[in-house]
């Protein structure tokens, strides 16, 4: 067993829109840093930044998020909007389909359960 320190915004950087995400309003950008992958490749952690605008998102994996900066309205298809702000921790389930409206620039840390 070990402890691994994950420095924000290090590791493999992806400046492109993630798979399963489509811009539907505005000109938002996103940047993702993948900072850790478990030896059995079931867990990935990292940092994500996004600018204001709206994305349609389709999730394949469970994601735990800790929001450091920003304001987001998350609306599942057929569901109620949830507003998340700095200091909020939340989970998005693997079958989520809906929108992420980035109101203020976002800085979040995340953990994905990919298997």
C-alpha atoms as a PDB file:
ATOM      1  CA  UNK A   1       0.000   0.000   0.000  1.00  0.00           C
ATOM      2  CA  UNK A   2       1.225   3.464  -0.754  1.00  0.00           C
ATOM      3  CA  UNK A   3       0.255   7.119  -0.790  1.00  0.00           C
ATOM      4  CA  UNK A   4       0.639   9.042  -4.024  1.00  0.00           C
ATOM      5  CA  UNK A   5       0.665  12.841  -4.085  1.00  0.00           C
ATOM      6  CA  UNK A   6      -1.140  14.299  -7.117  1.00  0.00           C
ATOM      7  CA  UNK A   7       0.050  17.776  -8.050  1.00  0.00           C
ATOM      8  CA  UNK A   8      -2.724  19.693  -9.827  1.00  0.00           C
ATOM      9  CA  UNK A   9      -2.334  20.302 -13.544  1.00  0.00           C
ATOM     10  CA  UNK A  10       0.518  17.846 -14.033  1.00  0.00           C
ATOM     11  CA  UNK A  11       0.572  14.578 -15.908  1.00  0.00           C
ATOM     12  CA  UNK A  12      -1.002  13.908 -19.285  1.00  0.00           C
ATOM     13  CA  UNK A  13      -2.825  17.025 -20.570  1.00  0.00           C
ATOM     14  CA  UNK A  14      -5.765  16.892 -22.969  1.00  0.00           C
ATOM     15  CA  UNK A  15      -6.789  20.377 -24.226  1.00  0.00           C
ATOM     16  CA  UNK A  16      -9.628  18.957 -26.376  1.00  0.00           C
ATOM     17  CA  UNK A  17     -13.312  18.452 -25.653  1.00  0.00           C
ATOM     18  CA  UNK A  18     -13.674  15.065 -23.908  1.00  0.00           C
ATOM     19  CA  UNK A  19     -15.434  12.100 -25.526  1.00  0.00           C
ATOM     20  CA  UNK A  20     -19.149  12.201 -24.772  1.00  0.00           C
ATOM     21  CA  UNK A  21     -19.175  16.017 -24.449  1.00  0.00           C
ATOM     22  CA  UNK A  22     -20.567  18.370 -27.128  1.00  0.00           C
ATOM     23  CA  UNK A  23     -20.716  22.158 -27.066  1.00  0.00           C
ATOM     24  CA  UNK A  24     -24.340  23.301 -27.402  1.00  0.00           C
ATOM     25  CA  UNK A  25     -24.094  26.974 -26.393  1.00  0.00           C
ATOM     26  CA  UNK A  26     -21.306  29.522 -26.430  1.00  0.00           C
ATOM     27  CA  UNK A  27     -17.660  28.747 -27.071  1.00  0.00           C
ATOM     28  CA  UNK A  28     -16.561  26.953 -23.905  1.00  0.00           C
ATOM     29  CA  UNK A  29     -13.213  25.246 -23.660  1.00  0.00           C
ATOM     30  CA  UNK A  30     -12.062  22.449 -21.390  1.00  0.00           C
ATOM     31  CA  UNK A  31      -8.657  21.178 -20.386  1.00  0.00           C
ATOM     32  CA  UNK A  32      -8.146  17.889 -18.551  1.00  0.00           C
ATOM     33  CA  UNK A  33      -5.021  16.685 -16.772  1.00  0.00           C
ATOM     34  CA  UNK A  34      -4.871  12.933 -16.019  1.00  0.00           C
ATOM     35  CA  UNK A  35      -2.596  12.781 -12.979  1.00  0.00           C
ATOM     36  CA  UNK A  36      -2.953   9.210 -11.731  1.00  0.00           C
ATOM     37  CA  UNK A  37      -4.099   5.815 -12.998  1.00  0.00           C
ATOM     38  CA  UNK A  38      -4.363   2.902 -10.572  1.00  0.00           C
ATOM     39  CA  UNK A  39      -2.200  -0.150 -11.299  1.00  0.00           C
ATOM     40  CA  UNK A  40      -5.327  -2.184 -12.139  1.00  0.00           C
ATOM     41  CA  UNK A  41      -6.547   0.674 -14.397  1.00  0.00           C
ATOM     42  CA  UNK A  42      -9.931   0.998 -12.677  1.00  0.00           C
ATOM     43  CA  UNK A  43      -9.406   4.495 -11.216  1.00  0.00           C
ATOM     44  CA  UNK A  44      -8.220   7.732 -12.844  1.00  0.00           C
ATOM     45  CA  UNK A  45      -7.773  11.063 -11.054  1.00  0.00           C
ATOM     46  CA  UNK A  46      -7.042  14.516 -12.332  1.00  0.00           C
ATOM     47  CA  UNK A  47      -7.841  18.176 -12.697  1.00  0.00           C
ATOM     48  CA  UNK A  48     -10.329  19.809 -15.074  1.00  0.00           C
ATOM     49  CA  UNK A  49     -10.791  23.419 -16.119  1.00  0.00           C
ATOM     50  CA  UNK A  50     -13.614  24.804 -18.274  1.00  0.00           C
ATOM     51  CA  UNK A  51     -14.727  28.225 -19.446  1.00  0.00           C
ATOM     52  CA  UNK A  52     -18.339  29.494 -19.570  1.00  0.00           C
ATOM     53  CA  UNK A  53     -20.778  27.910 -22.009  1.00  0.00           C
ATOM     54  CA  UNK A  54     -22.937  24.788 -22.144  1.00  0.00           C
ATOM     55  CA  UNK A  55     -22.001  21.186 -22.886  1.00  0.00           C
ATOM     56  CA  UNK A  56     -24.235  18.192 -23.510  1.00  0.00           C
ATOM     57  CA  UNK A  57     -22.616  15.290 -21.642  1.00  0.00           C
ATOM     58  CA  UNK A  58     -23.057  11.526 -21.843  1.00  0.00           C
ATOM     59  CA  UNK A  59     -21.247   9.648 -19.064  1.00  0.00           C
ATOM     60  CA  UNK A  60     -19.803   6.139 -19.347  1.00  0.00           C
ATOM     61  CA  UNK A  61     -18.060   6.207 -15.942  1.00  0.00           C
ATOM     62  CA  UNK A  62     -18.849   7.219 -12.385  1.00  0.00           C
ATOM     63  CA  UNK A  63     -17.180  10.504 -11.460  1.00  0.00           C
ATOM     64  CA  UNK A  64     -16.553  11.991  -8.027  1.00  0.00           C
ATOM     65  CA  UNK A  65     -15.943  15.761  -8.180  1.00  0.00           C
ATOM     66  CA  UNK A  66     -14.661  18.344  -5.736  1.00  0.00           C
ATOM     67  CA  UNK A  67     -15.357  21.830  -7.127  1.00  0.00           C
ATOM     68  CA  UNK A  68     -12.627  24.319  -6.206  1.00  0.00           C
ATOM     69  CA  UNK A  69     -13.704  27.285  -8.341  1.00  0.00           C
ATOM     70  CA  UNK A  70     -16.648  28.164 -10.545  1.00  0.00           C
ATOM     71  CA  UNK A  71     -20.386  27.763 -10.755  1.00  0.00           C
ATOM     72  CA  UNK A  72     -22.171  25.019 -12.732  1.00  0.00           C
ATOM     73  CA  UNK A  73     -25.807  24.179 -13.452  1.00  0.00           C
ATOM     74  CA  UNK A  74     -26.055  20.423 -14.081  1.00  0.00           C
ATOM     75  CA  UNK A  75     -29.325  19.199 -15.557  1.00  0.00           C
ATOM     76  CA  UNK A  76     -30.000  15.510 -16.237  1.00  0.00           C
ATOM     77  CA  UNK A  77     -32.404  14.790 -19.111  1.00  0.00           C
ATOM     78  CA  UNK A  78     -35.885  14.744 -17.596  1.00  0.00           C
ATOM     79  CA  UNK A  79     -34.555  15.799 -14.181  1.00  0.00           C
ATOM     80  CA  UNK A  80     -34.106  18.825 -11.993  1.00  0.00           C
ATOM     81  CA  UNK A  81     -31.180  21.237 -12.276  1.00  0.00           C
ATOM     82  CA  UNK A  82     -28.538  21.033  -9.568  1.00  0.00           C
ATOM     83  CA  UNK A  83     -26.325  24.065  -8.942  1.00  0.00           C
ATOM     84  CA  UNK A  84     -22.812  23.348  -7.669  1.00  0.00           C
ATOM     85  CA  UNK A  85     -20.409  25.912  -6.272  1.00  0.00           C
ATOM     86  CA  UNK A  86     -16.908  26.023  -4.776  1.00  0.00           C
ATOM     87  CA  UNK A  87     -16.515  23.594  -1.878  1.00  0.00           C
ATOM     88  CA  UNK A  88     -19.214  21.225  -3.145  1.00  0.00           C
ATOM     89  CA  UNK A  89     -18.405  17.549  -3.578  1.00  0.00           C
ATOM     90  CA  UNK A  90     -20.694  15.456  -5.751  1.00  0.00           C
ATOM     91  CA  UNK A  91     -20.956  12.273  -7.800  1.00  0.00           C
ATOM     92  CA  UNK A  92     -22.168  11.920 -11.379  1.00  0.00           C
ATOM     93  CA  UNK A  93     -23.353   8.395 -12.129  1.00  0.00           C
ATOM     94  CA  UNK A  94     -22.210   6.418 -15.172  1.00  0.00           C
ATOM     95  CA  UNK A  95     -25.572   6.635 -16.938  1.00  0.00           C
ATOM     96  CA  UNK A  96     -25.861  10.454 -16.714  1.00  0.00           C
ATOM     97  CA  UNK A  97     -27.069  12.205 -19.861  1.00  0.00           C
ATOM     98  CA  UNK A  98     -27.744  15.923 -19.701  1.00  0.00           C
ATOM     99  CA  UNK A  99     -26.176  19.363 -19.697  1.00  0.00           C
ATOM    100  CA  UNK A 100     -23.429  21.127 -17.816  1.00  0.00           C
ATOM    101  CA  UNK A 101     -23.874  24.898 -18.022  1.00  0.00           C
ATOM    102  CA  UNK A 102     -20.643  26.545 -16.926  1.00  0.00           C
ATOM    103  CA  UNK A 103     -21.674  29.907 -15.452  1.00  0.00           C
ATOM    104  CA  UNK A 104     -18.273  30.895 -14.012  1.00  0.00           C
ATOM    105  CA  UNK A 105     -14.880  29.407 -15.000  1.00  0.00           C
ATOM    106  CA  UNK A 106     -14.494  25.962 -13.407  1.00  0.00           C
ATOM    107  CA  UNK A 107     -11.564  24.358 -11.633  1.00  0.00           C
ATOM    108  CA  UNK A 108     -12.315  20.882 -10.269  1.00  0.00           C
ATOM    109  CA  UNK A 109     -10.513  17.771  -9.050  1.00  0.00           C
ATOM    110  CA  UNK A 110     -12.034  14.470 -10.080  1.00  0.00           C
ATOM    111  CA  UNK A 111     -11.871  10.708  -9.674  1.00  0.00           C
ATOM    112  CA  UNK A 112     -13.262   8.432 -12.406  1.00  0.00           C
ATOM    113  CA  UNK A 113     -14.213   4.795 -11.779  1.00  0.00           C
ATOM    114  CA  UNK A 114     -13.562   3.422 -15.272  1.00  0.00           C
ATOM    115  CA  UNK A 115     -14.000  -0.338 -14.785  1.00  0.00           C
END
